[in-house]
Amino acid sequence: MAGEEKLENLLARMSPTLRPGEFVFCFLGHAKYGDHPELEPIGSFMESEGLTMVVPKNKADEHGVEYESVFKCITLMVLQFGCHRVDGGFLRQTNQARN
C-alpha cells in the first residue's frame, strides 16, 4: 500500500505530541553507535568530531554527563494507513522500505 505523499494532506493529519520529561544533547567524543545504552538515548548523530546523543536529562545527571541546555521533545505523528500512526519524521523512509 502506497503512503500519502501530498504535503497538504500530511500537514492536515499531523498531531504534535509533547513527550514527557526533559532532554539534553551530549557530546561523547570517541563513542560509537551502541555505546552508553545506560543513557537510554532517543537519538544519536555521528559527526566528524564524535557522537552526539539526545538523552533524558535525568539519565545524563545520573551518569555525570555534561550538557549545556535542556529541551522538551515534541513528536509529530501523522495518521496514516487507516488506523496506524507513524512518526512523521520517518514516514517517507518507512514507505520506501515497504516497496
PDB file of N, CA and C in Angstrom:
ATOM      1  N   MET A   1       0.841  -1.173   0.000  1.00  0.00           N
ATOM      2  CA  MET A   1       0.000   0.000   0.000  1.00  0.00           C
ATOM      3  C   MET A   1       0.890   1.241   0.000  1.00  0.00           C
ATOM      4  N   ALA A   2       0.659   2.144  -0.921  1.00  0.00           N
ATOM      5  CA  ALA A   2       1.450   3.370  -1.017  1.00  0.00           C
ATOM      6  C   ALA A   2       1.027   4.360   0.067  1.00  0.00           C
ATOM      7  N   GLY A   3       1.987   5.094   0.575  1.00  0.00           N
ATOM      8  CA  GLY A   3       1.709   6.091   1.600  1.00  0.00           C
ATOM      9  C   GLY A   3       1.338   7.428   0.981  1.00  0.00           C
ATOM     10  N   GLU A   4       0.773   8.290   1.806  1.00  0.00           N
ATOM     11  CA  GLU A   4       0.406   9.639   1.380  1.00  0.00           C
ATOM     12  C   GLU A   4       1.660  10.428   1.060  1.00  0.00           C
ATOM     13  N   GLU A   5       1.648  11.151  -0.054  1.00  0.00           N
ATOM     14  CA  GLU A   5       2.809  11.947  -0.445  1.00  0.00           C
ATOM     15  C   GLU A   5       2.482  13.424  -0.604  1.00  0.00           C
ATOM     16  N   LYS A   6       1.213  13.808  -0.559  1.00  0.00           N
ATOM     17  CA  LYS A   6       0.841  15.215  -0.712  1.00  0.00           C
ATOM     18  C   LYS A   6       1.056  15.936   0.611  1.00  0.00           C
ATOM     19  N   LEU A   7       1.900  16.967   0.559  1.00  0.00           N
ATOM     20  CA  LEU A   7       2.247  17.708   1.761  1.00  0.00           C
ATOM     21  C   LEU A   7       1.016  18.261   2.471  1.00  0.00           C
ATOM     22  N   GLU A   8       0.054  18.787   1.731  1.00  0.00           N
ATOM     23  CA  GLU A   8      -1.150  19.361   2.344  1.00  0.00           C
ATOM     24  C   GLU A   8      -1.885  18.323   3.185  1.00  0.00           C
ATOM     25  N   ASN A   9      -1.999  17.112   2.661  1.00  0.00           N
ATOM     26  CA  ASN A   9      -2.697  16.045   3.377  1.00  0.00           C
ATOM     27  C   ASN A   9      -1.922  15.601   4.616  1.00  0.00           C
ATOM     28  N   LEU A  10      -0.601  15.523   4.487  1.00  0.00           N
ATOM     29  CA  LEU A  10       0.221  15.136   5.632  1.00  0.00           C
ATOM     30  C   LEU A  10       0.130  16.183   6.740  1.00  0.00           C
ATOM     31  N   LEU A  11       0.202  17.451   6.364  1.00  0.00           N
ATOM     32  CA  LEU A  11       0.109  18.524   7.359  1.00  0.00           C
ATOM     33  C   LEU A  11      -1.248  18.525   8.047  1.00  0.00           C
ATOM     34  N   ALA A  12      -2.301  18.244   7.304  1.00  0.00           N
ATOM     35  CA  ALA A  12      -3.648  18.227   7.881  1.00  0.00           C
ATOM     36  C   ALA A  12      -3.810  17.090   8.896  1.00  0.00           C
ATOM     37  N   ARG A  13      -3.071  16.022   8.721  1.00  0.00           N
ATOM     38  CA  ARG A  13      -3.178  14.857   9.609  1.00  0.00           C
ATOM     39  C   ARG A  13      -2.135  14.857  10.723  1.00  0.00           C
ATOM     40  N   MET A  14      -1.320  15.885  10.789  1.00  0.00           N
ATOM     41  CA  MET A  14      -0.239  15.933  11.762  1.00  0.00           C
ATOM     42  C   MET A  14      -0.774  16.230  13.158  1.00  0.00           C
ATOM     43  N   SER A  15      -0.246  15.510  14.119  1.00  0.00           N
ATOM     44  CA  SER A  15      -0.675  15.669  15.503  1.00  0.00           C
ATOM     45  C   SER A  15       0.562  15.770  16.401  1.00  0.00           C
ATOM     46  N   PRO A  16       0.935  16.997  16.820  1.00  0.00           N
ATOM     47  CA  PRO A  16       2.101  17.116  17.697  1.00  0.00           C
ATOM     48  C   PRO A  16       1.792  16.588  19.097  1.00  0.00           C
ATOM     49  N   THR A  17       2.735  15.842  19.651  1.00  0.00           N
ATOM     50  CA  THR A  17       2.590  15.273  20.979  1.00  0.00           C
ATOM     51  C   THR A  17       3.817  15.629  21.802  1.00  0.00           C
ATOM     52  N   LEU A  18       3.606  16.239  22.974  1.00  0.00           N
ATOM     53  CA  LEU A  18       4.708  16.570  23.860  1.00  0.00           C
ATOM     54  C   LEU A  18       5.115  15.319  24.634  1.00  0.00           C
ATOM     55  N   ARG A  19       6.346  14.916  24.438  1.00  0.00           N
ATOM     56  CA  ARG A  19       6.867  13.739  25.127  1.00  0.00           C
ATOM     57  C   ARG A  19       7.193  14.138  26.569  1.00  0.00           C
ATOM     58  N   PRO A  20       6.849  13.320  27.552  1.00  0.00           N
ATOM     59  CA  PRO A  20       7.127  13.688  28.945  1.00  0.00           C
ATOM     60  C   PRO A  20       8.627  13.737  29.226  1.00  0.00           C
ATOM     61  N   GLY A  21       9.009  14.574  30.154  1.00  0.00           N
ATOM     62  CA  GLY A  21      10.394  14.649  30.582  1.00  0.00           C
ATOM     63  C   GLY A  21      11.168  15.757  29.893  1.00  0.00           C
ATOM     64  N   GLU A  22      12.438  15.859  30.273  1.00  0.00           N
ATOM     65  CA  GLU A  22      13.350  16.839  29.691  1.00  0.00           C
ATOM     66  C   GLU A  22      14.509  16.084  29.051  1.00  0.00           C
ATOM     67  N   PHE A  23      15.090  16.679  28.002  1.00  0.00           N
ATOM     68  CA  PHE A  23      16.141  16.017  27.243  1.00  0.00           C
ATOM     69  C   PHE A  23      17.316  16.949  27.039  1.00  0.00           C
ATOM     70  N   VAL A  24      18.502  16.361  26.852  1.00  0.00           N
ATOM     71  CA  VAL A  24      19.712  17.137  26.632  1.00  0.00           C
ATOM     72  C   VAL A  24      20.501  16.537  25.471  1.00  0.00           C
ATOM     73  N   PHE A  25      21.277  17.392  24.810  1.00  0.00           N
ATOM     74  CA  PHE A  25      22.239  16.951  23.805  1.00  0.00           C
ATOM     75  C   PHE A  25      23.568  16.802  24.527  1.00  0.00           C
ATOM     76  N   CYS A  26      24.207  15.655  24.379  1.00  0.00           N
ATOM     77  CA  CYS A  26      25.524  15.476  24.987  1.00  0.00           C
ATOM     78  C   CYS A  26      26.495  14.934  23.950  1.00  0.00           C
ATOM     79  N   PHE A  27      27.714  15.428  24.020  1.00  0.00           N
ATOM     80  CA  PHE A  27      28.757  15.041  23.083  1.00  0.00           C
ATOM     81  C   PHE A  27      29.664  14.020  23.747  1.00  0.00           C
ATOM     82  N   LEU A  28      29.843  12.896  23.092  1.00  0.00           N
ATOM     83  CA  LEU A  28      30.685  11.814  23.609  1.00  0.00           C
ATOM     84  C   LEU A  28      31.781  11.544  22.569  1.00  0.00           C
ATOM     85  N   GLY A  29      32.868  12.276  22.682  1.00  0.00           N
ATOM     86  CA  GLY A  29      33.961  12.302  21.713  1.00  0.00           C
ATOM     87  C   GLY A  29      34.284  11.034  20.953  1.00  0.00           C
ATOM     88  N   HIS A  30      34.764  10.005  21.622  1.00  0.00           N
ATOM     89  CA  HIS A  30      35.224   8.808  20.916  1.00  0.00           C
ATOM     90  C   HIS A  30      34.210   7.674  20.956  1.00  0.00           C
ATOM     91  N   ALA A  31      32.997   7.966  21.326  1.00  0.00           N
ATOM     92  CA  ALA A  31      31.959   6.932  21.394  1.00  0.00           C
ATOM     93  C   ALA A  31      31.497   6.570  19.982  1.00  0.00           C
ATOM     94  N   LYS A  32      30.837   5.423  19.881  1.00  0.00           N
ATOM     95  CA  LYS A  32      30.238   4.994  18.612  1.00  0.00           C
ATOM     96  C   LYS A  32      28.819   4.520  18.879  1.00  0.00           C
ATOM     97  N   TYR A  33      28.068   4.321  17.799  1.00  0.00           N
ATOM     98  CA  TYR A  33      26.689   3.852  17.961  1.00  0.00           C
ATOM     99  C   TYR A  33      26.672   2.590  18.806  1.00  0.00           C
ATOM    100  N   GLY A  34      25.768   2.552  19.748  1.00  0.00           N
ATOM    101  CA  GLY A  34      25.628   1.396  20.620  1.00  0.00           C
ATOM    102  C   GLY A  34      26.317   1.562  21.964  1.00  0.00           C
ATOM    103  N   ASP A  35      27.263   2.511  22.043  1.00  0.00           N
ATOM    104  CA  ASP A  35      27.920   2.781  23.321  1.00  0.00           C
ATOM    105  C   ASP A  35      26.936   3.499  24.252  1.00  0.00           C
ATOM    106  N   HIS A  36      27.119   3.330  25.505  1.00  0.00           N
ATOM    107  CA  HIS A  36      26.365   4.027  26.556  1.00  0.00           C
ATOM    108  C   HIS A  36      24.848   3.776  26.533  1.00  0.00           C
ATOM    109  N   PRO A  37      24.432   2.506  26.456  1.00  0.00           N
ATOM    110  CA  PRO A  37      22.992   2.225  26.494  1.00  0.00           C
ATOM    111  C   PRO A  37      22.351   2.642  27.812  1.00  0.00           C
ATOM    112  N   GLU A  38      23.157   2.779  28.864  1.00  0.00           N
ATOM    113  CA  GLU A  38      22.629   3.196  30.167  1.00  0.00           C
ATOM    114  C   GLU A  38      22.049   4.610  30.133  1.00  0.00           C
ATOM    115  N   LEU A  39      22.422   5.401  29.105  1.00  0.00           N
ATOM    116  CA  LEU A  39      21.876   6.753  28.965  1.00  0.00           C
ATOM    117  C   LEU A  39      20.497   6.757  28.304  1.00  0.00           C
ATOM    118  N   GLU A  40      20.074   5.621  27.764  1.00  0.00           N
ATOM    119  CA  GLU A  40      18.768   5.468  27.103  1.00  0.00           C
ATOM    120  C   GLU A  40      18.524   6.556  26.056  1.00  0.00           C
ATOM    121  N   PRO A  41      19.425   6.688  25.067  1.00  0.00           N
ATOM    122  CA  PRO A  41      19.278   7.753  24.057  1.00  0.00           C
ATOM    123  C   PRO A  41      18.019   7.589  23.215  1.00  0.00           C
ATOM    124  N   ILE A  42      17.428   8.730  22.855  1.00  0.00           N
ATOM    125  CA  ILE A  42      16.291   8.703  21.933  1.00  0.00           C
ATOM    126  C   ILE A  42      16.741   9.085  20.529  1.00  0.00           C
ATOM    127  N   GLY A  43      18.000   9.505  20.411  1.00  0.00           N
ATOM    128  CA  GLY A  43      18.561   9.847  19.113  1.00  0.00           C
ATOM    129  C   GLY A  43      20.057  10.014  19.217  1.00  0.00           C
ATOM    130  N   SER A  44      20.731   9.800  18.105  1.00  0.00           N
ATOM    131  CA  SER A  44      22.177   9.999  18.098  1.00  0.00           C
ATOM    132  C   SER A  44      22.620  10.412  16.703  1.00  0.00           C
ATOM    133  N   PHE A  45      23.725  11.155  16.658  1.00  0.00           N
ATOM    134  CA  PHE A  45      24.261  11.688  15.416  1.00  0.00           C
ATOM    135  C   PHE A  45      25.761  11.465  15.408  1.00  0.00           C
ATOM    136  N   MET A  46      26.271  10.767  14.401  1.00  0.00           N
ATOM    137  CA  MET A  46      27.701  10.579  14.269  1.00  0.00           C
ATOM    138  C   MET A  46      28.237  11.754  13.469  1.00  0.00           C
ATOM    139  N   GLU A  47      29.090  12.541  14.105  1.00  0.00           N
ATOM    140  CA  GLU A  47      29.677  13.706  13.465  1.00  0.00           C
ATOM    141  C   GLU A  47      31.182  13.466  13.334  1.00  0.00           C
ATOM    142  N   SER A  48      31.869  14.302  12.574  1.00  0.00           N
ATOM    143  CA  SER A  48      33.308  14.102  12.392  1.00  0.00           C
ATOM    144  C   SER A  48      34.063  14.183  13.715  1.00  0.00           C
ATOM    145  N   GLU A  49      33.544  14.961  14.672  1.00  0.00           N
ATOM    146  CA  GLU A  49      34.199  15.114  15.973  1.00  0.00           C
ATOM    147  C   GLU A  49      33.874  13.979  16.941  1.00  0.00           C
ATOM    148  N   GLY A  50      32.815  13.246  16.685  1.00  0.00           N
ATOM    149  CA  GLY A  50      32.402  12.178  17.589  1.00  0.00           C
ATOM    150  C   GLY A  50      30.896  12.018  17.599  1.00  0.00           C
ATOM    151  N   LEU A  51      30.388  11.352  18.609  1.00  0.00           N
ATOM    152  CA  LEU A  51      28.967  11.023  18.704  1.00  0.00           C
ATOM    153  C   LEU A  51      28.228  12.026  19.591  1.00  0.00           C
ATOM    154  N   THR A  52      27.130  12.561  19.085  1.00  0.00           N
ATOM    155  CA  THR A  52      26.234  13.391  19.874  1.00  0.00           C
ATOM    156  C   THR A  52      24.961  12.590  20.106  1.00  0.00           C
ATOM    157  N   MET A  53      24.509  12.563  21.342  1.00  0.00           N
ATOM    158  CA  MET A  53      23.304  11.814  21.692  1.00  0.00           C
ATOM    159  C   MET A  53      22.274  12.745  22.318  1.00  0.00           C
ATOM    160  N   VAL A  54      21.009  12.428  22.102  1.00  0.00           N
ATOM    161  CA  VAL A  54      19.902  13.089  22.786  1.00  0.00           C
ATOM    162  C   VAL A  54      19.423  12.100  23.840  1.00  0.00           C
ATOM    163  N   VAL A  55      19.543  12.504  25.101  1.00  0.00           N
ATOM    164  CA  VAL A  55      19.228  11.594  26.198  1.00  0.00           C
ATOM    165  C   VAL A  55      18.332  12.284  27.219  1.00  0.00           C
ATOM    166  N   PRO A  56      17.578  11.504  27.996  1.00  0.00           N
ATOM    167  CA  PRO A  56      16.799  12.101  29.072  1.00  0.00           C
ATOM    168  C   PRO A  56      17.729  12.819  30.054  1.00  0.00           C
ATOM    169  N   LYS A  57      17.345  13.994  30.479  1.00  0.00           N
ATOM    170  CA  LYS A  57      18.164  14.799  31.394  1.00  0.00           C
ATOM    171  C   LYS A  57      18.497  14.024  32.664  1.00  0.00           C
ATOM    172  N   ASN A  58      17.529  13.305  33.205  1.00  0.00           N
ATOM    173  CA  ASN A  58      17.783  12.576  34.445  1.00  0.00           C
ATOM    174  C   ASN A  58      18.861  11.505  34.269  1.00  0.00           C
ATOM    175  N   LYS A  59      18.957  10.898  33.086  1.00  0.00           N
ATOM    176  CA  LYS A  59      19.998   9.896  32.828  1.00  0.00           C
ATOM    177  C   LYS A  59      21.362  10.561  32.712  1.00  0.00           C
ATOM    178  N   ALA A  60      21.419  11.720  32.060  1.00  0.00           N
ATOM    179  CA  ALA A  60      22.684  12.459  31.964  1.00  0.00           C
ATOM    180  C   ALA A  60      23.154  12.858  33.363  1.00  0.00           C
ATOM    181  N   ASP A  61      22.245  13.355  34.188  1.00  0.00           N
ATOM    182  CA  ASP A  61      22.596  13.750  35.553  1.00  0.00           C
ATOM    183  C   ASP A  61      23.068  12.540  36.369  1.00  0.00           C
ATOM    184  N   GLU A  62      22.336  11.453  36.237  1.00  0.00           N
ATOM    185  CA  GLU A  62      22.645  10.226  36.983  1.00  0.00           C
ATOM    186  C   GLU A  62      24.047   9.709  36.667  1.00  0.00           C
ATOM    187  N   HIS A  63      24.488   9.882  35.420  1.00  0.00           N
ATOM    188  CA  HIS A  63      25.777   9.335  34.983  1.00  0.00           C
ATOM    189  C   HIS A  63      26.857  10.405  34.826  1.00  0.00           C
ATOM    190  N   GLY A  64      26.579  11.620  35.291  1.00  0.00           N
ATOM    191  CA  GLY A  64      27.584  12.679  35.279  1.00  0.00           C
ATOM    192  C   GLY A  64      27.987  13.154  33.891  1.00  0.00           C
ATOM    193  N   VAL A  65      27.067  13.090  32.948  1.00  0.00           N
ATOM    194  CA  VAL A  65      27.349  13.534  31.581  1.00  0.00           C
ATOM    195  C   VAL A  65      27.063  15.033  31.465  1.00  0.00           C
ATOM    196  N   GLU A  66      28.003  15.779  30.894  1.00  0.00           N
ATOM    197  CA  GLU A  66      27.853  17.229  30.760  1.00  0.00           C
ATOM    198  C   GLU A  66      26.933  17.603  29.603  1.00  0.00           C
ATOM    199  N   TYR A  67      26.227  18.720  29.767  1.00  0.00           N
ATOM    200  CA  TYR A  67      25.365  19.277  28.722  1.00  0.00           C
ATOM    201  C   TYR A  67      25.227  20.761  28.982  1.00  0.00           C
ATOM    202  N   GLU A  68      24.753  21.498  27.980  1.00  0.00           N
ATOM    203  CA  GLU A  68      24.630  22.944  28.125  1.00  0.00           C
ATOM    204  C   GLU A  68      23.191  23.414  28.306  1.00  0.00           C
ATOM    205  N   SER A  69      22.256  22.807  27.613  1.00  0.00           N
ATOM    206  CA  SER A  69      20.866  23.275  27.623  1.00  0.00           C
ATOM    207  C   SER A  69      19.915  22.110  27.821  1.00  0.00           C
ATOM    208  N   VAL A  70      18.714  22.436  28.259  1.00  0.00           N
ATOM    209  CA  VAL A  70      17.671  21.436  28.495  1.00  0.00           C
ATOM    210  C   VAL A  70      16.522  21.707  27.539  1.00  0.00           C
ATOM    211  N   PHE A  71      15.955  20.644  26.950  1.00  0.00           N
ATOM    212  CA  PHE A  71      14.918  20.768  25.934  1.00  0.00           C
ATOM    213  C   PHE A  71      13.722  19.876  26.248  1.00  0.00           C
ATOM    214  N   LYS A  72      12.594  20.219  25.666  1.00  0.00           N
ATOM    215  CA  LYS A  72      11.418  19.352  25.629  1.00  0.00           C
ATOM    216  C   LYS A  72      11.417  18.669  24.265  1.00  0.00           C
ATOM    217  N   CYS A  73      10.715  17.577  24.148  1.00  0.00           N
ATOM    218  CA  CYS A  73      10.664  16.838  22.886  1.00  0.00           C
ATOM    219  C   CYS A  73       9.223  16.800  22.375  1.00  0.00           C
ATOM    220  N   ILE A  74       9.034  17.254  21.151  1.00  0.00           N
ATOM    221  CA  ILE A  74       7.726  17.196  20.500  1.00  0.00           C
ATOM    222  C   ILE A  74       7.822  16.196  19.354  1.00  0.00           C
ATOM    223  N   THR A  75       6.970  15.195  19.381  1.00  0.00           N
ATOM    224  CA  THR A  75       6.909  14.209  18.311  1.00  0.00           C
ATOM    225  C   THR A  75       5.751  14.568  17.402  1.00  0.00           C
ATOM    226  N   LEU A  76       5.993  14.617  16.110  1.00  0.00           N
ATOM    227  CA  LEU A  76       4.929  14.887  15.149  1.00  0.00           C
ATOM    228  C   LEU A  76       4.433  13.566  14.587  1.00  0.00           C
ATOM    229  N   MET A  77       3.234  13.210  14.960  1.00  0.00           N
ATOM    230  CA  MET A  77       2.630  11.975  14.486  1.00  0.00           C
ATOM    231  C   MET A  77       1.729  12.306  13.302  1.00  0.00           C
ATOM    232  N   VAL A  78       1.673  11.366  12.359  1.00  0.00           N
ATOM    233  CA  VAL A  78       0.830  11.530  11.181  1.00  0.00           C
ATOM    234  C   VAL A  78      -0.076  10.315  11.091  1.00  0.00           C
ATOM    235  N   LEU A  79      -1.383  10.547  11.042  1.00  0.00           N
ATOM    236  CA  LEU A  79      -2.326   9.442  10.881  1.00  0.00           C
ATOM    237  C   LEU A  79      -2.161   8.902   9.471  1.00  0.00           C
ATOM    238  N   GLN A  80      -1.896   7.626   9.350  1.00  0.00           N
ATOM    239  CA  GLN A  80      -1.563   7.025   8.057  1.00  0.00           C
ATOM    240  C   GLN A  80      -2.048   5.586   8.026  1.00  0.00           C
ATOM    241  N   PHE A  81      -2.333   5.063   6.858  1.00  0.00           N
ATOM    242  CA  PHE A  81      -2.725   3.674   6.651  1.00  0.00           C
ATOM    243  C   PHE A  81      -3.923   3.278   7.524  1.00  0.00           C
ATOM    244  N   GLY A  82      -4.985   4.050   7.458  1.00  0.00           N
ATOM    245  CA  GLY A  82      -6.184   3.728   8.231  1.00  0.00           C
ATOM    246  C   GLY A  82      -6.008   4.097   9.683  1.00  0.00           C
ATOM    247  N   CYS A  83      -5.838   3.098  10.560  1.00  0.00           N
ATOM    248  CA  CYS A  83      -5.758   3.389  11.989  1.00  0.00           C
ATOM    249  C   CYS A  83      -4.330   3.405  12.514  1.00  0.00           C
ATOM    250  N   HIS A  84      -3.331   3.177  11.685  1.00  0.00           N
ATOM    251  CA  HIS A  84      -1.950   3.161  12.157  1.00  0.00           C
ATOM    252  C   HIS A  84      -1.406   4.572  12.266  1.00  0.00           C
ATOM    253  N   ARG A  85      -0.561   4.795  13.240  1.00  0.00           N
ATOM    254  CA  ARG A  85       0.114   6.089  13.400  1.00  0.00           C
ATOM    255  C   ARG A  85       1.605   5.846  13.215  1.00  0.00           C
ATOM    256  N   VAL A  86       2.227   6.729  12.456  1.00  0.00           N
ATOM    257  CA  VAL A  86       3.671   6.626  12.261  1.00  0.00           C
ATOM    258  C   VAL A  86       4.304   7.974  12.523  1.00  0.00           C
ATOM    259  N   ASP A  87       5.560   7.969  12.907  1.00  0.00           N
ATOM    260  CA  ASP A  87       6.303   9.194  13.161  1.00  0.00           C
ATOM    261  C   ASP A  87       6.511   9.899  11.839  1.00  0.00           C
ATOM    262  N   GLY A  88       6.076  11.153  11.758  1.00  0.00           N
ATOM    263  CA  GLY A  88       6.180  11.920  10.523  1.00  0.00           C
ATOM    264  C   GLY A  88       7.598  12.044  10.020  1.00  0.00           C
ATOM    265  N   GLY A  89       8.584  12.093  10.913  1.00  0.00           N
ATOM    266  CA  GLY A  89       9.967  12.221  10.503  1.00  0.00           C
ATOM    267  C   GLY A  89      10.469  11.019   9.735  1.00  0.00           C
ATOM    268  N   PHE A  90       9.862   9.870   9.945  1.00  0.00           N
ATOM    269  CA  PHE A  90      10.310   8.658   9.280  1.00  0.00           C
ATOM    270  C   PHE A  90       9.304   8.152   8.259  1.00  0.00           C
ATOM    271  N   LEU A  91       8.289   8.932   7.979  1.00  0.00           N
ATOM    272  CA  LEU A  91       7.214   8.494   7.094  1.00  0.00           C
ATOM    273  C   LEU A  91       7.733   8.109   5.716  1.00  0.00           C
ATOM    274  N   ARG A  92       8.512   8.974   5.109  1.00  0.00           N
ATOM    275  CA  ARG A  92       8.998   8.707   3.756  1.00  0.00           C
ATOM    276  C   ARG A  92       9.899   7.484   3.729  1.00  0.00           C
ATOM    277  N   GLN A  93      10.810   7.386   4.666  1.00  0.00           N
ATOM    278  CA  GLN A  93      11.729   6.272   4.727  1.00  0.00           C
ATOM    279  C   GLN A  93      10.964   4.965   4.948  1.00  0.00           C
ATOM    280  N   THR A  94       9.958   4.974   5.818  1.00  0.00           N
ATOM    281  CA  THR A  94       9.162   3.784   6.083  1.00  0.00           C
ATOM    282  C   THR A  94       8.434   3.337   4.824  1.00  0.00           C
ATOM    283  N   ASN A  95       7.854   4.284   4.082  1.00  0.00           N
ATOM    284  CA  ASN A  95       7.138   3.928   2.863  1.00  0.00           C
ATOM    285  C   ASN A  95       8.080   3.328   1.831  1.00  0.00           C
ATOM    286  N   GLN A  96       9.280   3.855   1.682  1.00  0.00           N
ATOM    287  CA  GLN A  96      10.234   3.325   0.715  1.00  0.00           C
ATOM    288  C   GLN A  96      10.660   1.921   1.082  1.00  0.00           C
ATOM    289  N   ALA A  97      10.767   1.639   2.387  1.00  0.00           N
ATOM    290  CA  ALA A  97      11.182   0.320   2.838  1.00  0.00           C
ATOM    291  C   ALA A  97      10.133  -0.734   2.506  1.00  0.00           C
ATOM    292  N   ARG A  98       8.876  -0.351   2.357  1.00  0.00           N
ATOM    293  CA  ARG A  98       7.808  -1.300   2.064  1.00  0.00           C
ATOM    294  C   ARG A  98       7.792  -1.715   0.599  1.00  0.00           C
ATOM    295  N   ASN A  99       8.377  -0.905  -0.280  1.00  0.00           N
ATOM    296  CA  ASN A  99       8.363  -1.221  -1.724  1.00  0.00           C
ATOM    297  C   ASN A  99       9.397  -2.255  -2.086  1.00  0.00           C
TER     298      ASN A  99
END
